[in-house]
PDB file of N, CA and C in Angstrom:
ATOM      1  N   MET A   1     171.045 116.965 122.887  1.00  0.00           N
ATOM      2  CA  MET A   1     170.351 116.596 121.663  1.00  0.00           C
ATOM      3  C   MET A   1     169.390 117.704 121.247  1.00  0.00           C
ATOM      4  N   ARG A   2     168.839 118.424 122.206  1.00  0.00           N
ATOM      5  CA  ARG A   2     167.911 119.503 121.896  1.00  0.00           C
ATOM      6  C   ARG A   2     168.594 120.588 121.057  1.00  0.00           C
ATOM      7  N   ASP A   3     169.854 120.876 121.360  1.00  0.00           N
ATOM      8  CA  ASP A   3     170.587 121.897 120.612  1.00  0.00           C
ATOM      9  C   ASP A   3     170.699 121.542 119.133  1.00  0.00           C
ATOM     10  N   VAL A   4     170.940 120.272 118.842  1.00  0.00           N
ATOM     11  CA  VAL A   4     171.060 119.845 117.444  1.00  0.00           C
ATOM     12  C   VAL A   4     169.700 119.944 116.757  1.00  0.00           C
ATOM     13  N   TRP A   5     168.627 119.513 117.424  1.00  0.00           N
ATOM     14  CA  TRP A   5     167.274 119.645 116.854  1.00  0.00           C
ATOM     15  C   TRP A   5     167.012 121.102 116.497  1.00  0.00           C
ATOM     16  N   GLU A   6     167.298 121.995 117.440  1.00  0.00           N
ATOM     17  CA  GLU A   6     167.059 123.421 117.204  1.00  0.00           C
ATOM     18  C   GLU A   6     167.904 123.930 116.040  1.00  0.00           C
ATOM     19  N   ALA A   7     169.150 123.536 116.010  1.00  0.00           N
ATOM     20  CA  ALA A   7     170.058 124.025 114.976  1.00  0.00           C
ATOM     21  C   ALA A   7     169.627 123.593 113.577  1.00  0.00           C
ATOM     22  N   ILE A   8     169.251 122.341 113.415  1.00  0.00           N
ATOM     23  CA  ILE A   8     168.915 121.859 112.074  1.00  0.00           C
ATOM     24  C   ILE A   8     167.456 122.099 111.709  1.00  0.00           C
ATOM     25  N   SER A   9     166.676 122.647 112.638  1.00  0.00           N
ATOM     26  CA  SER A   9     165.267 122.920 112.337  1.00  0.00           C
ATOM     27  C   SER A   9     165.086 124.135 111.440  1.00  0.00           C
ATOM     28  N   ASP A  10     166.094 124.952 111.342  1.00  0.00           N
ATOM     29  CA  ASP A  10     165.998 126.190 110.570  1.00  0.00           C
ATOM     30  C   ASP A  10     166.611 126.026 109.182  1.00  0.00           C
ATOM     31  N   LYS A  11     165.878 126.458 108.163  1.00  0.00           N
ATOM     32  CA  LYS A  11     166.328 126.308 106.772  1.00  0.00           C
ATOM     33  C   LYS A  11     167.653 127.038 106.518  1.00  0.00           C
ATOM     34  N   THR A  12     167.797 128.242 107.043  1.00  0.00           N
ATOM     35  CA  THR A  12     169.036 128.997 106.835  1.00  0.00           C
ATOM     36  C   THR A  12     170.224 128.247 107.403  1.00  0.00           C
ATOM     37  N   ARG A  13     170.060 127.674 108.595  1.00  0.00           N
ATOM     38  CA  ARG A  13     171.165 126.927 109.198  1.00  0.00           C
ATOM     39  C   ARG A  13     171.484 125.662 108.408  1.00  0.00           C
ATOM     40  N   ARG A  14     170.466 125.009 107.855  1.00  0.00           N
ATOM     41  CA  ARG A  14     170.731 123.850 106.995  1.00  0.00           C
ATOM     42  C   ARG A  14     171.483 124.282 105.742  1.00  0.00           C
ATOM     43  N   GLU A  15     171.151 125.448 105.209  1.00  0.00           N
ATOM     44  CA  GLU A  15     171.861 125.966 104.029  1.00  0.00           C
ATOM     45  C   GLU A  15     173.315 126.265 104.376  1.00  0.00           C
ATOM     46  N   ILE A  16     173.555 126.812 105.546  1.00  0.00           N
ATOM     47  CA  ILE A  16     174.929 127.088 105.981  1.00  0.00           C
ATOM     48  C   ILE A  16     175.706 125.779 106.096  1.00  0.00           C
ATOM     49  N   LEU A  17     175.096 124.761 106.683  1.00  0.00           N
ATOM     50  CA  LEU A  17     175.762 123.460 106.793  1.00  0.00           C
ATOM     51  C   LEU A  17     176.075 122.891 105.412  1.00  0.00           C
ATOM     52  N   ALA A  18     175.151 123.032 104.478  1.00  0.00           N
ATOM     53  CA  ALA A  18     175.379 122.547 103.112  1.00  0.00           C
ATOM     54  C   ALA A  18     176.536 123.312 102.455  1.00  0.00           C
ATOM     55  N   MET A  19     176.616 124.612 102.706  1.00  0.00           N
ATOM     56  CA  MET A  19     177.716 125.413 102.160  1.00  0.00           C
ATOM     57  C   MET A  19     179.054 124.944 102.744  1.00  0.00           C
ATOM     58  N   LEU A  20     179.064 124.677 104.040  1.00  0.00           N
ATOM     59  CA  LEU A  20     180.301 124.262 104.696  1.00  0.00           C
ATOM     60  C   LEU A  20     180.716 122.852 104.303  1.00  0.00           C
ATOM     61  N   LYS A  21     179.783 122.080 103.807  1.00  0.00           N
ATOM     62  CA  LYS A  21     180.126 120.746 103.319  1.00  0.00           C
ATOM     63  C   LYS A  21     181.101 120.852 102.140  1.00  0.00           C
ATOM     64  N   LYS A  22     181.018 121.946 101.406  1.00  0.00           N
ATOM     65  CA  LYS A  22     181.885 122.153 100.245  1.00  0.00           C
ATOM     66  C   LYS A  22     183.254 122.706 100.630  1.00  0.00           C
ATOM     67  N   GLY A  23     183.394 123.209 101.849  1.00  0.00           N
ATOM     68  CA  GLY A  23     184.682 123.740 102.281  1.00  0.00           C
ATOM     69  C   GLY A  23     184.552 124.794 103.350  1.00  0.00           C
ATOM     70  N   LYS A  24     185.676 125.131 103.927  1.00  0.00           N
ATOM     71  CA  LYS A  24     185.717 126.147 104.979  1.00  0.00           C
ATOM     72  C   LYS A  24     185.343 127.512 104.403  1.00  0.00           C
ATOM     73  N   LEU A  25     184.633 128.295 105.209  1.00  0.00           N
ATOM     74  CA  LEU A  25     184.243 129.654 104.799  1.00  0.00           C
ATOM     75  C   LEU A  25     184.362 130.602 105.984  1.00  0.00           C
ATOM     76  N   SER A  26     184.713 131.831 105.676  1.00  0.00           N
ATOM     77  CA  SER A  26     184.734 132.848 106.729  1.00  0.00           C
ATOM     78  C   SER A  26     183.309 133.300 107.004  1.00  0.00           C
ATOM     79  N   ALA A  27     183.117 133.937 108.134  1.00  0.00           N
ATOM     80  CA  ALA A  27     181.798 134.457 108.482  1.00  0.00           C
ATOM     81  C   ALA A  27     181.320 135.440 107.415  1.00  0.00           C
ATOM     82  N   GLY A  28     182.217 136.253 106.908  1.00  0.00           N
ATOM     83  CA  GLY A  28     181.866 137.214 105.861  1.00  0.00           C
ATOM     84  C   GLY A  28     181.438 136.544 104.565  1.00  0.00           C
ATOM     85  N   GLU A  29     182.139 135.477 104.184  1.00  0.00           N
ATOM     86  CA  GLU A  29     181.778 134.740 102.971  1.00  0.00           C
ATOM     87  C   GLU A  29     180.400 134.095 103.107  1.00  0.00           C
ATOM     88  N   ILE A  30     180.105 133.604 104.290  1.00  0.00           N
ATOM     89  CA  ILE A  30     178.787 133.020 104.531  1.00  0.00           C
ATOM     90  C   ILE A  30     177.721 134.103 104.459  1.00  0.00           C
ATOM     91  N   ALA A  31     177.960 135.223 105.102  1.00  0.00           N
ATOM     92  CA  ALA A  31     176.978 136.319 105.136  1.00  0.00           C
ATOM     93  C   ALA A  31     176.688 136.860 103.743  1.00  0.00           C
ATOM     94  N   GLU A  32     177.688 136.889 102.872  1.00  0.00           N
ATOM     95  CA  GLU A  32     177.506 137.403 101.508  1.00  0.00           C
ATOM     96  C   GLU A  32     176.495 136.595 100.706  1.00  0.00           C
ATOM     97  N   ARG A  33     176.288 135.345 101.064  1.00  0.00           N
ATOM     98  CA  ARG A  33     175.415 134.457 100.300  1.00  0.00           C
ATOM     99  C   ARG A  33     173.947 134.524 100.721  1.00  0.00           C
ATOM    100  N   PHE A  34     173.647 135.379 101.693  1.00  0.00           N
ATOM    101  CA  PHE A  34     172.278 135.506 102.186  1.00  0.00           C
ATOM    102  C   PHE A  34     171.812 136.954 102.117  1.00  0.00           C
ATOM    103  N   ARG A  35     170.512 137.117 102.002  1.00  0.00           N
ATOM    104  CA  ARG A  35     169.912 138.449 102.065  1.00  0.00           C
ATOM    105  C   ARG A  35     169.466 138.710 103.500  1.00  0.00           C
ATOM    106  N   LEU A  36     170.392 138.550 104.403  1.00  0.00           N
ATOM    107  CA  LEU A  36     170.150 138.743 105.822  1.00  0.00           C
ATOM    108  C   LEU A  36     171.202 139.705 106.362  1.00  0.00           C
ATOM    109  N   THR A  37     170.910 140.309 107.493  1.00  0.00           N
ATOM    110  CA  THR A  37     171.919 141.158 108.114  1.00  0.00           C
ATOM    111  C   THR A  37     173.055 140.287 108.623  1.00  0.00           C
ATOM    112  N   LYS A  38     174.219 140.888 108.764  1.00  0.00           N
ATOM    113  CA  LYS A  38     175.359 140.130 109.297  1.00  0.00           C
ATOM    114  C   LYS A  38     175.073 139.668 110.723  1.00  0.00           C
ATOM    115  N   ALA A  39     174.320 140.466 111.462  1.00  0.00           N
ATOM    116  CA  ALA A  39     173.965 140.075 112.829  1.00  0.00           C
ATOM    117  C   ALA A  39     173.096 138.814 112.834  1.00  0.00           C
ATOM    118  N   THR A  40     172.174 138.706 111.882  1.00  0.00           N
ATOM    119  CA  THR A  40     171.309 137.527 111.794  1.00  0.00           C
ATOM    120  C   THR A  40     172.125 136.300 111.421  1.00  0.00           C
ATOM    121  N   VAL A  41     173.025 136.446 110.457  1.00  0.00           N
ATOM    122  CA  VAL A  41     173.889 135.325 110.065  1.00  0.00           C
ATOM    123  C   VAL A  41     174.783 134.939 111.241  1.00  0.00           C
ATOM    124  N   SER A  42     175.283 135.912 111.957  1.00  0.00           N
ATOM    125  CA  SER A  42     176.108 135.644 113.126  1.00  0.00           C
ATOM    126  C   SER A  42     175.334 134.844 114.172  1.00  0.00           C
ATOM    127  N   HIS A  43     174.061 135.176 114.343  1.00  0.00           N
ATOM    128  CA  HIS A  43     173.219 134.418 115.282  1.00  0.00           C
ATOM    129  C   HIS A  43     173.094 132.963 114.831  1.00  0.00           C
ATOM    130  N   HIS A  44     172.831 132.746 113.538  1.00  0.00           N
ATOM    131  CA  HIS A  44     172.708 131.385 113.016  1.00  0.00           C
ATOM    132  C   HIS A  44     174.013 130.609 113.229  1.00  0.00           C
ATOM    133  N   LEU A  45     175.139 131.246 112.972  1.00  0.00           N
ATOM    134  CA  LEU A  45     176.437 130.594 113.176  1.00  0.00           C
ATOM    135  C   LEU A  45     176.661 130.272 114.650  1.00  0.00           C
ATOM    136  N   SER A  46     176.211 131.149 115.519  1.00  0.00           N
ATOM    137  CA  SER A  46     176.336 130.926 116.955  1.00  0.00           C
ATOM    138  C   SER A  46     175.518 129.715 117.399  1.00  0.00           C
ATOM    139  N   VAL A  47     174.308 129.578 116.858  1.00  0.00           N
ATOM    140  CA  VAL A  47     173.460 128.418 117.173  1.00  0.00           C
ATOM    141  C   VAL A  47     174.140 127.134 116.698  1.00  0.00           C
ATOM    142  N   LEU A  48     174.676 127.151 115.476  1.00  0.00           N
ATOM    143  CA  LEU A  48     175.358 125.967 114.937  1.00  0.00           C
ATOM    144  C   LEU A  48     176.588 125.615 115.769  1.00  0.00           C
ATOM    145  N   ARG A  49     177.310 126.620 116.175  1.00  0.00           N
ATOM    146  CA  ARG A  49     178.505 126.384 116.995  1.00  0.00           C
ATOM    147  C   ARG A  49     178.108 125.866 118.374  1.00  0.00           C
ATOM    148  N   GLY A  50     177.078 126.454 118.953  1.00  0.00           N
ATOM    149  CA  GLY A  50     176.609 126.009 120.257  1.00  0.00           C
ATOM    150  C   GLY A  50     176.130 124.566 120.252  1.00  0.00           C
ATOM    151  N   ALA A  51     175.601 124.134 119.119  1.00  0.00           N
ATOM    152  CA  ALA A  51     175.133 122.754 118.976  1.00  0.00           C
ATOM    153  C   ALA A  51     176.280 121.800 118.655  1.00  0.00           C
ATOM    154  N   GLY A  52     177.465 122.348 118.407  1.00  0.00           N
ATOM    155  CA  GLY A  52     178.617 121.511 118.100  1.00  0.00           C
ATOM    156  C   GLY A  52     178.679 121.050 116.654  1.00  0.00           C
ATOM    157  N   LEU A  53     177.916 121.690 115.776  1.00  0.00           N
ATOM    158  CA  LEU A  53     177.888 121.274 114.371  1.00  0.00           C
ATOM    159  C   LEU A  53     178.962 121.947 113.530  1.00  0.00           C
ATOM    160  N   VAL A  54     179.476 123.064 114.004  1.00  0.00           N
ATOM    161  CA  VAL A  54     180.562 123.733 113.301  1.00  0.00           C
ATOM    162  C   VAL A  54     181.660 124.080 114.300  1.00  0.00           C
ATOM    163  N   LYS A  55     182.847 124.200 113.769  1.00  0.00           N
ATOM    164  CA  LYS A  55     183.974 124.634 114.585  1.00  0.00           C
ATOM    165  C   LYS A  55     184.568 125.877 113.941  1.00  0.00           C
ATOM    166  N   THR A  56     185.325 126.613 114.705  1.00  0.00           N
ATOM    167  CA  THR A  56     185.890 127.856 114.207  1.00  0.00           C
ATOM    168  C   THR A  56     187.403 127.869 114.368  1.00  0.00           C
ATOM    169  N   GLU A  57     188.009 128.631 113.489  1.00  0.00           N
ATOM    170  CA  GLU A  57     189.441 128.911 113.562  1.00  0.00           C
ATOM    171  C   GLU A  57     189.585 130.413 113.417  1.00  0.00           C
ATOM    172  N   LYS A  58     190.460 130.999 114.183  1.00  0.00           N
ATOM    173  CA  LYS A  58     190.691 132.438 114.091  1.00  0.00           C
ATOM    174  C   LYS A  58     191.938 132.668 113.250  1.00  0.00           C
ATOM    175  N   HIS A  59     191.789 133.455 112.186  1.00  0.00           N
ATOM    176  CA  HIS A  59     192.911 133.844 111.322  1.00  0.00           C
ATOM    177  C   HIS A  59     192.971 135.359 111.355  1.00  0.00           C
ATOM    178  N   ALA A  60     193.885 135.894 112.165  1.00  0.00           N
ATOM    179  CA  ALA A  60     193.963 137.337 112.414  1.00  0.00           C
ATOM    180  C   ALA A  60     192.612 137.804 112.938  1.00  0.00           C
ATOM    181  N   GLN A  61     191.907 138.674 112.200  1.00  0.00           N
ATOM    182  CA  GLN A  61     190.604 139.150 112.650  1.00  0.00           C
ATOM    183  C   GLN A  61     189.453 138.402 111.975  1.00  0.00           C
ATOM    184  N   MET A  62     189.776 137.394 111.208  1.00  0.00           N
ATOM    185  CA  MET A  62     188.754 136.650 110.470  1.00  0.00           C
ATOM    186  C   MET A  62     188.466 135.319 111.179  1.00  0.00           C
ATOM    187  N   VAL A  63     187.179 134.981 111.270  1.00  0.00           N
ATOM    188  CA  VAL A  63     186.760 133.699 111.841  1.00  0.00           C
ATOM    189  C   VAL A  63     186.350 132.795 110.686  1.00  0.00           C
ATOM    190  N   VAL A  64     186.950 131.596 110.622  1.00  0.00           N
ATOM    191  CA  VAL A  64     186.675 130.643 109.558  1.00  0.00           C
ATOM    192  C   VAL A  64     185.910 129.465 110.164  1.00  0.00           C
ATOM    193  N   TYR A  65     184.825 129.082 109.486  1.00  0.00           N
ATOM    194  CA  TYR A  65     183.951 128.006 109.953  1.00  0.00           C
ATOM    195  C   TYR A  65     184.148 126.753 109.116  1.00  0.00           C
ATOM    196  N   SER A  66     184.030 125.603 109.768  1.00  0.00           N
ATOM    197  CA  SER A  66     184.053 124.311 109.089  1.00  0.00           C
ATOM    198  C   SER A  66     183.125 123.367 109.852  1.00  0.00           C
ATOM    199  N   LEU A  67     182.782 122.261 109.209  1.00  0.00           N
ATOM    200  CA  LEU A  67     181.882 121.295 109.828  1.00  0.00           C
ATOM    201  C   LEU A  67     182.579 120.531 110.947  1.00  0.00           C
ATOM    202  N   ASP A  68     181.802 120.185 111.950  1.00  0.00           N
ATOM    203  CA  ASP A  68     182.265 119.340 113.047  1.00  0.00           C
ATOM    204  C   ASP A  68     181.149 118.341 113.320  1.00  0.00           C
ATOM    205  N   PHE A  69     181.363 117.092 112.977  1.00  0.00           N
ATOM    206  CA  PHE A  69     180.308 116.090 113.040  1.00  0.00           C
ATOM    207  C   PHE A  69     180.152 115.414 114.400  1.00  0.00           C
ATOM    208  N   THR A  70     180.937 115.763 115.380  1.00  0.00           N
ATOM    209  CA  THR A  70     180.889 115.072 116.660  1.00  0.00           C
ATOM    210  C   THR A  70     179.494 115.087 117.268  1.00  0.00           C
ATOM    211  N   ALA A  71     178.898 116.258 117.442  1.00  0.00           N
ATOM    212  CA  ALA A  71     177.565 116.366 118.056  1.00  0.00           C
ATOM    213  C   ALA A  71     176.497 115.760 117.147  1.00  0.00           C
ATOM    214  N   PHE A  72     176.627 115.982 115.844  1.00  0.00           N
ATOM    215  CA  PHE A  72     175.626 115.458 114.923  1.00  0.00           C
ATOM    216  C   PHE A  72     175.642 113.937 114.920  1.00  0.00           C
ATOM    217  N   ARG A  73     176.811 113.359 114.996  1.00  0.00           N
ATOM    218  CA  ARG A  73     176.928 111.897 115.034  1.00  0.00           C
ATOM    219  C   ARG A  73     176.256 111.357 116.297  1.00  0.00           C
ATOM    220  N   SER A  74     176.493 111.973 117.432  1.00  0.00           N
ATOM    221  CA  SER A  74     175.852 111.553 118.676  1.00  0.00           C
ATOM    222  C   SER A  74     174.343 111.668 118.571  1.00  0.00           C
ATOM    223  N   PHE A  75     173.888 112.738 117.950  1.00  0.00           N
ATOM    224  CA  PHE A  75     172.459 112.953 117.743  1.00  0.00           C
ATOM    225  C   PHE A  75     171.866 111.832 116.884  1.00  0.00           C
ATOM    226  N   LEU A  76     172.522 111.506 115.771  1.00  0.00           N
ATOM    227  CA  LEU A  76     172.023 110.445 114.892  1.00  0.00           C
ATOM    228  C   LEU A  76     172.018 109.088 115.584  1.00  0.00           C
ATOM    229  N   LEU A  77     173.016 108.832 116.375  1.00  0.00           N
ATOM    230  CA  LEU A  77     173.050 107.568 117.104  1.00  0.00           C
ATOM    231  C   LEU A  77     171.890 107.487 118.095  1.00  0.00           C
ATOM    232  N   ALA A  78     171.579 108.598 118.776  1.00  0.00           N
ATOM    233  CA  ALA A  78     170.461 108.617 119.719  1.00  0.00           C
ATOM    234  C   ALA A  78     169.126 108.422 118.997  1.00  0.00           C
ATOM    235  N   VAL A  79     168.951 109.069 117.851  1.00  0.00           N
ATOM    236  CA  VAL A  79     167.727 108.910 117.068  1.00  0.00           C
ATOM    237  C   VAL A  79     167.626 107.480 116.559  1.00  0.00           C
ATOM    238  N   ASN A  80     168.729 106.937 116.077  1.00  0.00           N
ATOM    239  CA  ASN A  80     168.740 105.555 115.595  1.00  0.00           C
ATOM    240  C   ASN A  80     168.348 104.597 116.717  1.00  0.00           C
ATOM    241  N   GLU A  81     168.877 104.820 117.892  1.00  0.00           N
ATOM    242  CA  GLU A  81     168.552 103.970 119.040  1.00  0.00           C
ATOM    243  C   GLU A  81     167.061 104.046 119.351  1.00  0.00           C
ATOM    244  N   LEU A  82     166.503 105.226 119.282  1.00  0.00           N
ATOM    245  CA  LEU A  82     165.079 105.410 119.551  1.00  0.00           C
ATOM    246  C   LEU A  82     164.224 104.617 118.565  1.00  0.00           C
ATOM    247  N   PHE A  83     164.556 104.702 117.282  1.00  0.00           N
ATOM    248  CA  PHE A  83     163.733 104.078 116.255  1.00  0.00           C
ATOM    249  C   PHE A  83     164.119 102.631 115.950  1.00  0.00           C
ATOM    250  N   SER A  84     165.183 102.149 116.539  1.00  0.00           N
ATOM    251  CA  SER A  84     165.562 100.758 116.302  1.00  0.00           C
ATOM    252  C   SER A  84     164.900  99.821 117.309  1.00  0.00           C
ATOM    253  N   ASP A  85     164.154 100.374 118.246  1.00  0.00           N
ATOM    254  CA  ASP A  85     163.435  99.573 119.233  1.00  0.00           C
ATOM    255  C   ASP A  85     162.427  98.685 118.517  1.00  0.00           C
ATOM    256  N   LYS A  86     162.511  97.387 118.724  1.00  0.00           N
ATOM    257  CA  LYS A  86     161.634  96.444 118.019  1.00  0.00           C
ATOM    258  C   LYS A  86     160.165  96.656 118.364  1.00  0.00           C
ATOM    259  N   ASP A  87     159.884  97.293 119.499  1.00  0.00           N
ATOM    260  CA  ASP A  87     158.507  97.532 119.904  1.00  0.00           C
ATOM    261  C   ASP A  87     157.970  98.884 119.420  1.00  0.00           C
ATOM    262  N   PHE A  88     158.821  99.650 118.718  1.00  0.00           N
ATOM    263  CA  PHE A  88     158.398 100.979 118.248  1.00  0.00           C
ATOM    264  C   PHE A  88     157.263 100.836 117.240  1.00  0.00           C
ATOM    265  N   GLN A  89     156.189 101.573 117.456  1.00  0.00           N
ATOM    266  CA  GLN A  89     155.014 101.506 116.587  1.00  0.00           C
ATOM    267  C   GLN A  89     154.833 102.832 115.852  1.00  0.00           C
ATOM    268  N   GLY A  90     155.827 103.242 115.099  1.00  0.00           N
ATOM    269  CA  GLY A  90     155.757 104.489 114.351  1.00  0.00           C
ATOM    270  C   GLY A  90     154.797 104.399 113.183  1.00  0.00           C
ATOM    271  N   SER A  91     154.673 105.475 112.462  1.00  0.00           N
ATOM    272  CA  SER A  91     153.788 105.552 111.308  1.00  0.00           C
ATOM    273  C   SER A  91     154.191 104.535 110.250  1.00  0.00           C
ATOM    274  N   THR A  92     153.195 103.926 109.633  1.00  0.00           N
ATOM    275  CA  THR A  92     153.474 103.005 108.525  1.00  0.00           C
ATOM    276  C   THR A  92     153.369 103.711 107.190  1.00  0.00           C
ATOM    277  N   ASP A  93     153.040 105.004 107.209  1.00  0.00           N
ATOM    278  CA  ASP A  93     152.902 105.793 105.990  1.00  0.00           C
ATOM    279  C   ASP A  93     154.285 106.250 105.541  1.00  0.00           C
ATOM    280  N   ALA A  94     154.826 105.592 104.535  1.00  0.00           N
ATOM    281  CA  ALA A  94     156.174 105.906 104.053  1.00  0.00           C
ATOM    282  C   ALA A  94     156.277 107.302 103.480  1.00  0.00           C
ATOM    283  N   GLN A  95     155.176 107.898 103.101  1.00  0.00           N
ATOM    284  CA  GLN A  95     155.201 109.234 102.520  1.00  0.00           C
ATOM    285  C   GLN A  95     154.876 110.311 103.543  1.00  0.00           C
ATOM    286  N   ALA A  96     154.939 109.957 104.826  1.00  0.00           N
ATOM    287  CA  ALA A  96     154.665 110.944 105.871  1.00  0.00           C
ATOM    288  C   ALA A  96     155.609 112.120 105.720  1.00  0.00           C
ATOM    289  N   GLU A  97     155.085 113.295 105.973  1.00  0.00           N
ATOM    290  CA  GLU A  97     155.905 114.493 105.834  1.00  0.00           C
ATOM    291  C   GLU A  97     157.125 114.389 106.730  1.00  0.00           C
ATOM    292  N   GLY A  98     158.288 114.662 106.145  1.00  0.00           N
ATOM    293  CA  GLY A  98     159.522 114.629 106.894  1.00  0.00           C
ATOM    294  C   GLY A  98     160.139 113.248 107.027  1.00  0.00           C
ATOM    295  N   SER A  99     159.512 112.222 106.467  1.00  0.00           N
ATOM    296  CA  SER A  99     160.118 110.900 106.543  1.00  0.00           C
ATOM    297  C   SER A  99     161.360 110.884 105.661  1.00  0.00           C
ATOM    298  N   PRO A 100     162.340 110.046 105.967  1.00  0.00           N
ATOM    299  CA  PRO A 100     163.580 110.045 105.195  1.00  0.00           C
ATOM    300  C   PRO A 100     163.375 109.877 103.697  1.00  0.00           C
ATOM    301  N   SER A 101     162.327 109.157 103.288  1.00  0.00           N
ATOM    302  CA  SER A 101     162.125 108.936 101.860  1.00  0.00           C
ATOM    303  C   SER A 101     161.624 110.178 101.143  1.00  0.00           C
ATOM    304  N   THR A 102     161.184 111.204 101.893  1.00  0.00           N
ATOM    305  CA  THR A 102     160.658 112.399 101.252  1.00  0.00           C
ATOM    306  C   THR A 102     161.573 113.610 101.425  1.00  0.00           C
ATOM    307  N   LEU A 103     162.712 113.456 102.056  1.00  0.00           N
ATOM    308  CA  LEU A 103     163.615 114.576 102.250  1.00  0.00           C
ATOM    309  C   LEU A 103     164.348 114.896 100.965  1.00  0.00           C
ATOM    310  N   SER A 104     164.598 116.190 100.748  1.00  0.00           N
ATOM    311  CA  SER A 104     165.357 116.601  99.566  1.00  0.00           C
ATOM    312  C   SER A 104     166.820 116.233  99.749  1.00  0.00           C
ATOM    313  N   GLY A 105     167.572 116.298  98.685  1.00  0.00           N
ATOM    314  CA  GLY A 105     168.991 115.994  98.753  1.00  0.00           C
ATOM    315  C   GLY A 105     169.716 116.878  99.746  1.00  0.00           C
ATOM    316  N   GLU A 106     169.332 118.170  99.808  1.00  0.00           N
ATOM    317  CA  GLU A 106     169.969 119.087 100.745  1.00  0.00           C
ATOM    318  C   GLU A 106     169.667 118.690 102.177  1.00  0.00           C
ATOM    319  N   GLU A 107     168.407 118.325 102.440  1.00  0.00           N
ATOM    320  CA  GLU A 107     168.025 117.987 103.799  1.00  0.00           C
ATOM    321  C   GLU A 107     168.654 116.688 104.262  1.00  0.00           C
ATOM    322  N   SER A 108     168.934 115.795 103.331  1.00  0.00           N
ATOM    323  CA  SER A 108     169.521 114.522 103.725  1.00  0.00           C
ATOM    324  C   SER A 108     171.033 114.495 103.516  1.00  0.00           C
ATOM    325  N   ALA A 109     171.634 115.656 103.260  1.00  0.00           N
ATOM    326  CA  ALA A 109     173.054 115.735 102.962  1.00  0.00           C
ATOM    327  C   ALA A 109     173.926 115.263 104.118  1.00  0.00           C
ATOM    328  N   PHE A 110     173.397 115.329 105.316  1.00  0.00           N
ATOM    329  CA  PHE A 110     174.187 114.977 106.483  1.00  0.00           C
ATOM    330  C   PHE A 110     173.720 113.642 107.032  1.00  0.00           C
ATOM    331  N   SER A 111     173.814 112.624 106.222  1.00  0.00           N
ATOM    332  CA  SER A 111     173.326 111.296 106.583  1.00  0.00           C
ATOM    333  C   SER A 111     174.290 110.576 107.511  1.00  0.00           C
ATOM    334  N   ALA A 112     173.766 109.553 108.132  1.00  0.00           N
ATOM    335  CA  ALA A 112     174.599 108.735 109.015  1.00  0.00           C
ATOM    336  C   ALA A 112     175.741 108.098 108.240  1.00  0.00           C
ATOM    337  N   ALA A 113     175.502 107.785 106.973  1.00  0.00           N
ATOM    338  CA  ALA A 113     176.552 107.158 106.165  1.00  0.00           C
ATOM    339  C   ALA A 113     177.750 108.077 106.021  1.00  0.00           C
ATOM    340  N   SER A 114     177.497 109.368 105.766  1.00  0.00           N
ATOM    341  CA  SER A 114     178.625 110.279 105.612  1.00  0.00           C
ATOM    342  C   SER A 114     179.354 110.462 106.929  1.00  0.00           C
ATOM    343  N   LEU A 115     178.627 110.367 108.040  1.00  0.00           N
ATOM    344  CA  LEU A 115     179.270 110.488 109.337  1.00  0.00           C
ATOM    345  C   LEU A 115     180.122 109.268 109.647  1.00  0.00           C
ATOM    346  N   SER A 116     179.610 108.093 109.327  1.00  0.00           N
ATOM    347  CA  SER A 116     180.352 106.881 109.649  1.00  0.00           C
ATOM    348  C   SER A 116     181.636 106.791 108.832  1.00  0.00           C
ATOM    349  N   GLU A 117     181.647 107.409 107.647  1.00  0.00           N
ATOM    350  CA  GLU A 117     182.867 107.429 106.839  1.00  0.00           C
ATOM    351  C   GLU A 117     183.978 108.151 107.567  1.00  0.00           C
ATOM    352  N   ASN A 118     183.613 109.118 108.414  1.00  0.00           N
ATOM    353  CA  ASN A 118     184.594 109.907 109.138  1.00  0.00           C
ATOM    354  C   ASN A 118     184.889 109.308 110.512  1.00  0.00           C
ATOM    355  N   GLY A 119     184.295 108.182 110.809  1.00  0.00           N
ATOM    356  CA  GLY A 119     184.543 107.539 112.093  1.00  0.00           C
ATOM    357  C   GLY A 119     184.096 108.377 113.268  1.00  0.00           C
ATOM    358  N   GLY A 120     183.153 109.314 113.010  1.00  0.00           N
ATOM    359  CA  GLY A 120     182.634 110.145 114.078  1.00  0.00           C
ATOM    360  C   GLY A 120     183.579 111.259 114.492  1.00  0.00           C
ATOM    361  N   GLN A 121     184.661 111.417 113.784  1.00  0.00           N
ATOM    362  CA  GLN A 121     185.615 112.452 114.138  1.00  0.00           C
ATOM    363  C   GLN A 121     185.225 113.780 113.515  1.00  0.00           C
ATOM    364  N   SER A 122     185.725 114.865 114.074  1.00  0.00           N
ATOM    365  CA  SER A 122     185.510 116.171 113.477  1.00  0.00           C
ATOM    366  C   SER A 122     186.035 116.119 112.056  1.00  0.00           C
ATOM    367  N   ALA A 123     185.296 116.764 111.153  1.00  0.00           N
ATOM    368  CA  ALA A 123     185.715 116.713 109.753  1.00  0.00           C
ATOM    369  C   ALA A 123     185.469 118.046 109.092  1.00  0.00           C
ATOM    370  N   ASP A 124     186.443 118.489 108.319  1.00  0.00           N
ATOM    371  CA  ASP A 124     186.151 119.647 107.490  1.00  0.00           C
ATOM    372  C   ASP A 124     185.712 119.123 106.124  1.00  0.00           C
ATOM    373  N   ALA A 125     185.270 120.001 105.274  1.00  0.00           N
ATOM    374  CA  ALA A 125     184.660 119.577 104.023  1.00  0.00           C
ATOM    375  C   ALA A 125     185.626 118.857 103.097  1.00  0.00           C
ATOM    376  N   THR A 126     186.909 119.019 103.303  1.00  0.00           N
ATOM    377  CA  THR A 126     187.857 118.368 102.407  1.00  0.00           C
ATOM    378  C   THR A 126     187.871 116.857 102.619  1.00  0.00           C
ATOM    379  N   ARG A 127     187.385 116.369 103.781  1.00  0.00           N
ATOM    380  CA  ARG A 127     187.396 114.932 104.040  1.00  0.00           C
ATOM    381  C   ARG A 127     186.032 114.296 103.814  1.00  0.00           C
ATOM    382  N   ILE A 128     185.032 115.096 103.435  1.00  0.00           N
ATOM    383  CA  ILE A 128     183.674 114.566 103.283  1.00  0.00           C
ATOM    384  C   ILE A 128     183.486 114.002 101.893  1.00  0.00           C
TER     385      ILE A 128
END
């Protein structure tokens, strides 16, 4: 679960996930959309892959990335279990920073609802 927290904590990685929601992209196509070195983008992709949020396919010398919801779904289920405890005494301030009601559309793009539509299976953007 720590890997997923780390992966989605970074804005660039969330942007990459949002891009992949629209469809498969090569590493080069992803890198072109950022003002970062290819090595930096490669690091971000490595973190996402290590967390199980993206999967790769090799096409000749090109690596193509797509979303893989398996790890993210497990992460959401664990978070849901934590906060569904009837004895949980979390903040009552609905406008607390980072609360679900204050997240932008991009930040909430990977909701539990979209995961449950896929039955927790790996999904590329064409099925989302």
